[in-house]
Structure formats: C-alpha cells, structure tokens
Amino acid sequence: MLQIIAAVVLAGIGGTIANSVAVWQVLGADFVPLAVSPGRNGVAIAVAACLPFILPRVPGVWGWLFGLVVLTVVPSLLARWVFHFHAPWEHLLLLNGVYALAACLIYGAIVGRKGL
C-alpha cells in the first residue's frame, strides 16, 4: 500500500515536472514556478490517484490507454473550467498529454499494474 501511495505521489510530481518543461518550451512560461507550484502538484497527485483504480480493473494495454486518456482529459477539463485557463483545447490536451505520459511511465516503473 505504501509503495502504491509513493508511486502516485512520484507520478504526480514527475508528471508536473514534464508538463512544466513542455509549457516552458511551447508557451515560454517560467519553468520553476510551474514545477514547484503546490497547487499544480496537488492536482497532479490527485489525478494520478486514478491509476491504482484503473490499471488492475482494465486488462492489458487498454488499462494503460484508458489511464493515459483519463490523465490527459481530466486535467484539461480542470484547467479550462475550474482554473479558467483559456488556451486552445489542442494546447491543453497536448500539454496535459505530456503530464499523462510521464505519470503513467513513472507509476508503471514503480508498481506496474498493482493497485487498490
């Protein structure tokens, strides 16, 4: 259980760092404030917490694909409707896709498909 929690936290933070690099490269925003923002990291960890519920229940590669979609779409919806970030949908989905890919890779490297 502790390993799963650590994997979720590290996946969220690692995904935030990857997303921050992408935002810095694509939009020219400052990297450090994005990467160390407690709010961004908190949301990223909360969204990554979906993985331990998705992966053990959805078989095969479909679990990873579903996790990737959830971790891309949920932060994009939050960015648009909760945090009022009015970038084009293409930017939101692309940049949050970077977060999703990094978070899934980190989670998978630590615990594989293990979940709750």
N, C-alpha and C. Protein backbone atom coordinates (compact mmCIF):
# COMPACT_ATOMS: atom_id res chain seq x y z
N MET A 1 0.82 -1.20 0.00
CA MET A 1 0.00 0.00 0.00
C MET A 1 0.86 1.26 0.00
N LEU A 2 1.91 1.26 0.83
CA LEU A 2 2.80 2.42 0.89
C LEU A 2 3.53 2.62 -0.44
N GLN A 3 3.87 1.51 -1.10
CA GLN A 3 4.53 1.59 -2.40
C GLN A 3 3.60 2.23 -3.44
N ILE A 4 2.32 1.90 -3.38
CA ILE A 4 1.35 2.48 -4.32
C ILE A 4 1.19 3.98 -4.06
N ILE A 5 1.10 4.36 -2.79
CA ILE A 5 0.97 5.78 -2.46
C ILE A 5 2.21 6.55 -2.93
N ALA A 6 3.39 5.99 -2.68
CA ALA A 6 4.62 6.64 -3.14
C ALA A 6 4.64 6.75 -4.66
N ALA A 7 4.17 5.71 -5.35
CA ALA A 7 4.14 5.73 -6.82
C ALA A 7 3.20 6.82 -7.32
N VAL A 8 2.05 6.98 -6.67
CA VAL A 8 1.09 8.02 -7.07
C VAL A 8 1.70 9.41 -6.87
N VAL A 9 2.32 9.63 -5.73
CA VAL A 9 2.92 10.94 -5.43
C VAL A 9 4.06 11.24 -6.42
N LEU A 10 4.92 10.27 -6.64
CA LEU A 10 6.04 10.49 -7.56
C LEU A 10 5.55 10.66 -9.00
N ALA A 11 4.52 9.92 -9.38
CA ALA A 11 3.95 10.06 -10.73
C ALA A 11 3.36 11.45 -10.90
N GLY A 12 2.64 11.94 -9.89
CA GLY A 12 2.06 13.28 -9.97
C GLY A 12 3.12 14.36 -10.08
N ILE A 13 4.14 14.28 -9.24
CA ILE A 13 5.21 15.28 -9.26
C ILE A 13 6.04 15.17 -10.53
N GLY A 14 6.38 13.96 -10.92
CA GLY A 14 7.15 13.77 -12.16
C GLY A 14 6.38 14.23 -13.38
N GLY A 15 5.07 13.96 -13.39
CA GLY A 15 4.23 14.43 -14.48
C GLY A 15 4.16 15.94 -14.53
N THR A 16 4.11 16.56 -13.35
CA THR A 16 4.09 18.03 -13.29
C THR A 16 5.39 18.62 -13.82
N ILE A 17 6.50 18.00 -13.49
CA ILE A 17 7.79 18.48 -14.00
C ILE A 17 7.84 18.35 -15.52
N ALA A 18 7.39 17.21 -16.04
CA ALA A 18 7.38 17.01 -17.50
C ALA A 18 6.46 18.02 -18.18
N ASN A 19 5.29 18.25 -17.59
CA ASN A 19 4.34 19.22 -18.13
C ASN A 19 4.93 20.62 -18.08
N SER A 20 5.64 20.95 -17.00
CA SER A 20 6.24 22.27 -16.86
C SER A 20 7.31 22.51 -17.92
N VAL A 21 8.08 21.48 -18.23
CA VAL A 21 9.07 21.59 -19.31
C VAL A 21 8.36 21.85 -20.63
N ALA A 22 7.28 21.12 -20.88
CA ALA A 22 6.53 21.29 -22.13
C ALA A 22 5.91 22.69 -22.23
N VAL A 23 5.33 23.17 -21.12
CA VAL A 23 4.73 24.51 -21.12
C VAL A 23 5.81 25.56 -21.34
N TRP A 24 6.95 25.39 -20.71
CA TRP A 24 8.07 26.31 -20.89
C TRP A 24 8.52 26.34 -22.36
N GLN A 25 8.63 25.16 -22.98
CA GLN A 25 9.08 25.09 -24.37
C GLN A 25 8.03 25.61 -25.35
N VAL A 26 6.76 25.27 -25.14
CA VAL A 26 5.71 25.63 -26.10
C VAL A 26 5.21 27.05 -25.90
N LEU A 27 4.98 27.43 -24.64
CA LEU A 27 4.35 28.73 -24.37
C LEU A 27 5.31 29.78 -23.82
N GLY A 28 6.53 29.36 -23.46
CA GLY A 28 7.51 30.31 -22.96
C GLY A 28 7.30 30.74 -21.52
N ALA A 29 6.50 29.99 -20.77
CA ALA A 29 6.26 30.32 -19.36
C ALA A 29 7.50 29.97 -18.54
N ASP A 30 7.62 30.59 -17.37
CA ASP A 30 8.74 30.29 -16.48
C ASP A 30 8.61 28.87 -15.94
N PHE A 31 9.69 28.09 -16.03
CA PHE A 31 9.66 26.69 -15.63
C PHE A 31 9.52 26.49 -14.13
N VAL A 32 10.37 27.14 -13.34
CA VAL A 32 10.44 26.86 -11.90
C VAL A 32 9.11 27.12 -11.18
N PRO A 33 8.46 28.27 -11.38
CA PRO A 33 7.19 28.48 -10.68
C PRO A 33 6.14 27.42 -11.04
N LEU A 34 6.15 26.97 -12.28
CA LEU A 34 5.21 25.92 -12.68
C LEU A 34 5.54 24.60 -11.99
N ALA A 35 6.82 24.24 -11.99
CA ALA A 35 7.24 22.94 -11.48
C ALA A 35 7.08 22.80 -9.98
N VAL A 36 7.23 23.90 -9.24
CA VAL A 36 7.19 23.80 -7.77
C VAL A 36 5.88 24.29 -7.17
N SER A 37 4.91 24.61 -8.00
CA SER A 37 3.63 25.10 -7.50
C SER A 37 2.91 24.02 -6.69
N PRO A 38 2.63 24.28 -5.41
CA PRO A 38 1.93 23.29 -4.60
C PRO A 38 0.55 22.94 -5.16
N GLY A 39 -0.14 23.93 -5.69
CA GLY A 39 -1.47 23.67 -6.26
C GLY A 39 -1.42 22.76 -7.46
N ARG A 40 -0.49 23.02 -8.38
CA ARG A 40 -0.34 22.17 -9.57
C ARG A 40 0.07 20.76 -9.18
N ASN A 41 1.00 20.65 -8.23
CA ASN A 41 1.43 19.32 -7.80
C ASN A 41 0.32 18.58 -7.07
N GLY A 42 -0.46 19.30 -6.27
CA GLY A 42 -1.58 18.67 -5.57
C GLY A 42 -2.62 18.12 -6.52
N VAL A 43 -2.98 18.91 -7.52
CA VAL A 43 -3.95 18.44 -8.52
C VAL A 43 -3.36 17.27 -9.30
N ALA A 44 -2.09 17.35 -9.65
CA ALA A 44 -1.45 16.28 -10.41
C ALA A 44 -1.42 14.97 -9.63
N ILE A 45 -1.15 15.06 -8.34
CA ILE A 45 -1.15 13.86 -7.49
C ILE A 45 -2.57 13.31 -7.37
N ALA A 46 -3.54 14.19 -7.18
CA ALA A 46 -4.94 13.73 -7.08
C ALA A 46 -5.40 13.04 -8.35
N VAL A 47 -5.02 13.58 -9.50
CA VAL A 47 -5.42 12.95 -10.77
C VAL A 47 -4.67 11.64 -10.96
N ALA A 48 -3.39 11.59 -10.62
CA ALA A 48 -2.62 10.35 -10.74
C ALA A 48 -3.17 9.26 -9.83
N ALA A 49 -3.90 9.64 -8.79
CA ALA A 49 -4.50 8.66 -7.89
C ALA A 49 -5.57 7.82 -8.57
N CYS A 50 -5.94 8.16 -9.79
CA CYS A 50 -6.87 7.31 -10.56
C CYS A 50 -6.20 6.02 -11.01
N LEU A 51 -4.90 6.04 -11.22
CA LEU A 51 -4.20 4.88 -11.78
C LEU A 51 -4.34 3.60 -10.96
N PRO A 52 -4.23 3.65 -9.62
CA PRO A 52 -4.37 2.39 -8.88
C PRO A 52 -5.78 1.79 -8.94
N PHE A 53 -6.74 2.57 -9.38
CA PHE A 53 -8.09 2.05 -9.53
C PHE A 53 -8.34 1.56 -10.96
N ILE A 54 -7.71 2.20 -11.93
CA ILE A 54 -7.93 1.85 -13.34
C ILE A 54 -7.14 0.60 -13.73
N LEU A 55 -5.86 0.59 -13.46
CA LEU A 55 -4.97 -0.44 -14.02
C LEU A 55 -5.30 -1.87 -13.60
N PRO A 56 -5.65 -2.14 -12.35
CA PRO A 56 -5.96 -3.53 -12.01
C PRO A 56 -7.30 -4.01 -12.57
N ARG A 57 -8.16 -3.09 -12.97
CA ARG A 57 -9.51 -3.45 -13.40
C ARG A 57 -9.69 -3.50 -14.91
N VAL A 58 -8.84 -2.82 -15.65
CA VAL A 58 -8.94 -2.80 -17.11
C VAL A 58 -7.77 -3.61 -17.66
N PRO A 59 -8.07 -4.73 -18.33
CA PRO A 59 -7.00 -5.66 -18.73
C PRO A 59 -6.12 -5.15 -19.88
N GLY A 60 -4.90 -5.66 -19.88
CA GLY A 60 -3.98 -5.45 -20.98
C GLY A 60 -3.60 -4.00 -21.22
N VAL A 61 -3.27 -3.74 -22.48
CA VAL A 61 -2.85 -2.40 -22.87
C VAL A 61 -4.00 -1.40 -22.74
N TRP A 62 -5.23 -1.89 -22.74
CA TRP A 62 -6.39 -1.00 -22.62
C TRP A 62 -6.38 -0.24 -21.30
N GLY A 63 -5.87 -0.85 -20.24
CA GLY A 63 -5.77 -0.16 -18.96
C GLY A 63 -4.84 1.03 -19.03
N TRP A 64 -3.70 0.83 -19.69
CA TRP A 64 -2.73 1.93 -19.84
C TRP A 64 -3.29 3.02 -20.74
N LEU A 65 -3.96 2.62 -21.82
CA LEU A 65 -4.55 3.62 -22.72
C LEU A 65 -5.65 4.40 -22.02
N PHE A 66 -6.49 3.70 -21.26
CA PHE A 66 -7.56 4.37 -20.53
C PHE A 66 -6.96 5.32 -19.48
N GLY A 67 -5.92 4.87 -18.78
CA GLY A 67 -5.24 5.73 -17.82
C GLY A 67 -4.65 6.96 -18.48
N LEU A 68 -4.05 6.77 -19.63
CA LEU A 68 -3.47 7.89 -20.38
C LEU A 68 -4.55 8.90 -20.78
N VAL A 69 -5.69 8.40 -21.23
CA VAL A 69 -6.79 9.29 -21.62
C VAL A 69 -7.33 10.04 -20.41
N VAL A 70 -7.57 9.32 -19.31
CA VAL A 70 -8.10 9.96 -18.10
C VAL A 70 -7.13 11.03 -17.60
N LEU A 71 -5.84 10.70 -17.55
CA LEU A 71 -4.84 11.65 -17.05
C LEU A 71 -4.57 12.80 -18.02
N THR A 72 -5.06 12.70 -19.24
CA THR A 72 -4.98 13.81 -20.19
C THR A 72 -6.22 14.68 -20.13
N VAL A 73 -7.38 14.04 -20.14
CA VAL A 73 -8.65 14.77 -20.24
C VAL A 73 -9.03 15.46 -18.93
N VAL A 74 -8.89 14.79 -17.80
CA VAL A 74 -9.32 15.38 -16.52
C VAL A 74 -8.56 16.68 -16.22
N PRO A 75 -7.22 16.72 -16.30
CA PRO A 75 -6.54 18.00 -16.05
C PRO A 75 -6.89 19.07 -17.08
N SER A 76 -7.17 18.65 -18.31
CA SER A 76 -7.56 19.63 -19.33
C SER A 76 -8.90 20.26 -19.00
N LEU A 77 -9.84 19.45 -18.56
CA LEU A 77 -11.15 19.97 -18.15
C LEU A 77 -11.01 20.87 -16.92
N LEU A 78 -10.19 20.45 -15.97
CA LEU A 78 -9.97 21.28 -14.77
C LEU A 78 -9.32 22.61 -15.15
N ALA A 79 -8.33 22.56 -16.03
CA ALA A 79 -7.65 23.80 -16.44
C ALA A 79 -8.63 24.77 -17.08
N ARG A 80 -9.51 24.26 -17.91
CA ARG A 80 -10.45 25.13 -18.64
C ARG A 80 -11.56 25.63 -17.73
N TRP A 81 -12.23 24.72 -17.00
CA TRP A 81 -13.46 25.10 -16.32
C TRP A 81 -13.30 25.46 -14.85
N VAL A 82 -12.24 24.99 -14.21
CA VAL A 82 -12.04 25.32 -12.79
C VAL A 82 -11.02 26.44 -12.65
N PHE A 83 -9.90 26.33 -13.37
CA PHE A 83 -8.82 27.30 -13.24
C PHE A 83 -8.86 28.39 -14.31
N HIS A 84 -9.83 28.34 -15.20
CA HIS A 84 -10.09 29.38 -16.21
C HIS A 84 -8.87 29.68 -17.08
N PHE A 85 -8.17 28.64 -17.47
CA PHE A 85 -7.04 28.77 -18.39
C PHE A 85 -7.59 28.63 -19.80
N HIS A 86 -7.59 29.71 -20.55
CA HIS A 86 -8.28 29.75 -21.83
C HIS A 86 -7.36 29.55 -23.03
N ALA A 87 -6.47 28.60 -22.92
CA ALA A 87 -5.65 28.22 -24.08
C ALA A 87 -6.52 27.37 -25.01
N PRO A 88 -6.13 27.25 -26.26
CA PRO A 88 -6.88 26.37 -27.17
C PRO A 88 -6.87 24.93 -26.65
N TRP A 89 -7.94 24.21 -26.95
CA TRP A 89 -8.05 22.81 -26.50
C TRP A 89 -6.85 21.98 -26.95
N GLU A 90 -6.34 22.27 -28.15
CA GLU A 90 -5.20 21.50 -28.65
C GLU A 90 -4.00 21.64 -27.71
N HIS A 91 -3.77 22.86 -27.23
CA HIS A 91 -2.66 23.08 -26.30
C HIS A 91 -2.91 22.36 -24.98
N LEU A 92 -4.13 22.50 -24.45
CA LEU A 92 -4.44 21.86 -23.18
C LEU A 92 -4.24 20.35 -23.27
N LEU A 93 -4.79 19.74 -24.31
CA LEU A 93 -4.69 18.28 -24.44
C LEU A 93 -3.26 17.84 -24.70
N LEU A 94 -2.54 18.56 -25.52
CA LEU A 94 -1.15 18.20 -25.80
C LEU A 94 -0.28 18.31 -24.55
N LEU A 95 -0.37 19.44 -23.86
CA LEU A 95 0.47 19.66 -22.68
C LEU A 95 0.08 18.73 -21.53
N ASN A 96 -1.20 18.48 -21.35
CA ASN A 96 -1.61 17.54 -20.31
C ASN A 96 -1.34 16.10 -20.73
N GLY A 97 -1.25 15.85 -22.03
CA GLY A 97 -0.82 14.54 -22.51
C GLY A 97 0.62 14.24 -22.12
N VAL A 98 1.45 15.27 -22.09
CA VAL A 98 2.84 15.11 -21.63
C VAL A 98 2.83 14.70 -20.16
N TYR A 99 2.01 15.39 -19.35
CA TYR A 99 1.86 15.01 -17.93
C TYR A 99 1.41 13.56 -17.82
N ALA A 100 0.38 13.20 -18.59
CA ALA A 100 -0.20 11.86 -18.50
C ALA A 100 0.81 10.78 -18.86
N LEU A 101 1.55 10.99 -19.92
CA LEU A 101 2.54 10.01 -20.35
C LEU A 101 3.62 9.83 -19.29
N ALA A 102 4.14 10.94 -18.78
CA ALA A 102 5.18 10.86 -17.75
C ALA A 102 4.64 10.19 -16.49
N ALA A 103 3.44 10.56 -16.06
CA ALA A 103 2.87 9.99 -14.84
C ALA A 103 2.64 8.49 -15.00
N CYS A 104 2.12 8.06 -16.14
CA CYS A 104 1.90 6.63 -16.37
C CYS A 104 3.21 5.86 -16.40
N LEU A 105 4.22 6.41 -17.05
CA LEU A 105 5.53 5.75 -17.10
C LEU A 105 6.15 5.62 -15.71
N ILE A 106 6.07 6.68 -14.93
CA ILE A 106 6.64 6.65 -13.58
C ILE A 106 5.88 5.67 -12.70
N TYR A 107 4.55 5.73 -12.73
CA TYR A 107 3.75 4.81 -11.92
C TYR A 107 4.05 3.37 -12.32
N GLY A 108 4.06 3.11 -13.62
CA GLY A 108 4.32 1.75 -14.10
C GLY A 108 5.70 1.25 -13.74
N ALA A 109 6.69 2.12 -13.77
CA ALA A 109 8.06 1.73 -13.42
C ALA A 109 8.18 1.35 -11.95
N ILE A 110 7.35 1.96 -11.11
CA ILE A 110 7.45 1.70 -9.67
C ILE A 110 6.63 0.49 -9.26
N VAL A 111 5.37 0.42 -9.69
CA VAL A 111 4.49 -0.66 -9.20
C VAL A 111 3.85 -1.49 -10.31
N GLY A 112 4.10 -1.18 -11.56
CA GLY A 112 3.46 -1.94 -12.63
C GLY A 112 1.96 -1.68 -12.65
N ARG A 113 1.18 -2.75 -12.70
CA ARG A 113 -0.28 -2.63 -12.76
C ARG A 113 -0.91 -2.74 -11.37
N LYS A 114 -0.09 -2.86 -10.35
CA LYS A 114 -0.62 -3.04 -9.00
C LYS A 114 -1.47 -1.85 -8.59
N GLY A 115 -2.54 -2.11 -7.88
CA GLY A 115 -3.42 -1.03 -7.45
C GLY A 115 -4.20 -1.39 -6.22
N LEU A 116 -5.26 -0.63 -6.00
CA LEU A 116 -6.10 -0.82 -4.82
C LEU A 116 -7.29 -1.69 -5.12
